[in-house]
């Protein structure tokens, strides 16, 4: 699963103060582009927009993982 949102939104949601959070915005954008590339090149990835309401995100996650659970 790729839980995706705007970089600025993700950083605003982050808690704590670690090395990754102190990186510049462009670093985080490059990381996001890298994950988007991985997801686009492999059909097994499911991208979920985490800017949707929490209930919708939870339903999307459940829908993505239910088929692969035993």
Protein backbone atom coordinates (compact mmCIF):
# COMPACT_ATOMS: atom_id res chain seq x y z
CA UNK A 1 0.00 0.00 0.00
CA UNK A 2 1.11 3.52 -0.77
CA UNK A 3 -0.64 5.85 1.64
CA UNK A 4 -0.34 9.11 -0.25
CA UNK A 5 -0.99 12.77 0.40
CA UNK A 6 0.56 16.13 -0.40
CA UNK A 7 4.04 16.36 1.07
CA UNK A 8 3.14 19.49 3.02
CA UNK A 9 0.11 17.76 4.53
CA UNK A 10 2.14 14.73 5.53
CA UNK A 11 4.78 16.85 7.21
CA UNK A 12 2.11 18.82 9.06
CA UNK A 13 0.68 15.55 10.38
CA UNK A 14 4.07 14.22 11.51
CA UNK A 15 4.83 14.18 15.19
CA UNK A 16 8.18 14.29 16.87
CA UNK A 17 11.39 15.77 15.59
CA UNK A 18 13.69 13.37 13.83
CA UNK A 19 16.28 13.68 11.09
CA UNK A 20 13.82 12.81 8.31
CA UNK A 21 11.35 15.48 9.36
CA UNK A 22 14.10 18.10 9.33
CA UNK A 23 14.94 17.40 5.68
CA UNK A 24 14.05 20.06 3.13
CA UNK A 25 10.74 19.98 1.31
CA UNK A 26 12.41 19.02 -1.99
CA UNK A 27 13.87 15.90 -0.34
CA UNK A 28 10.38 14.79 0.67
CA UNK A 29 9.06 15.51 -2.83
CA UNK A 30 11.82 13.33 -4.35
CA UNK A 31 10.97 10.52 -1.94
CA UNK A 32 7.27 10.82 -2.88
CA UNK A 33 8.12 10.74 -6.61
CA UNK A 34 10.20 7.63 -5.98
CA UNK A 35 7.31 5.86 -4.29
CA UNK A 36 4.94 6.95 -7.07
CA UNK A 37 7.36 5.48 -9.61
CA UNK A 38 7.50 2.18 -7.71
CA UNK A 39 3.71 2.02 -7.49
CA UNK A 40 3.30 2.83 -11.18
CA UNK A 41 5.75 0.14 -12.22
CA UNK A 42 4.25 -2.66 -10.14
CA UNK A 43 0.54 -3.48 -10.34
CA UNK A 44 0.59 -5.08 -6.90
CA UNK A 45 0.82 -1.64 -5.28
CA UNK A 46 -2.41 0.09 -4.28
CA UNK A 47 -2.28 3.85 -3.82
CA UNK A 48 -4.69 5.32 -1.29
CA UNK A 49 -5.33 9.06 -1.00
CA UNK A 50 -5.02 9.81 2.70
CA UNK A 51 -6.45 13.29 2.26
CA UNK A 52 -9.88 11.68 2.08
CA UNK A 53 -11.91 11.41 5.29
CA UNK A 54 -10.54 8.85 7.77
CA UNK A 55 -13.50 6.52 7.28
CA UNK A 56 -12.94 6.43 3.50
CA UNK A 57 -9.23 5.78 3.95
CA UNK A 58 -9.97 2.91 6.34
CA UNK A 59 -12.46 1.38 3.90
CA UNK A 60 -10.00 1.69 1.02
CA UNK A 61 -7.26 0.00 3.06
CA UNK A 62 -9.62 -2.80 4.04
CA UNK A 63 -10.75 -3.27 0.44
CA UNK A 64 -7.12 -3.47 -0.70
CA UNK A 65 -5.97 -6.03 1.86
CA UNK A 66 -9.01 -8.25 2.33
CA UNK A 67 -8.42 -10.19 -0.90
CA UNK A 68 -4.90 -11.17 0.17
CA UNK A 69 -5.65 -12.12 3.76
CA UNK A 70 -6.12 -15.81 4.58
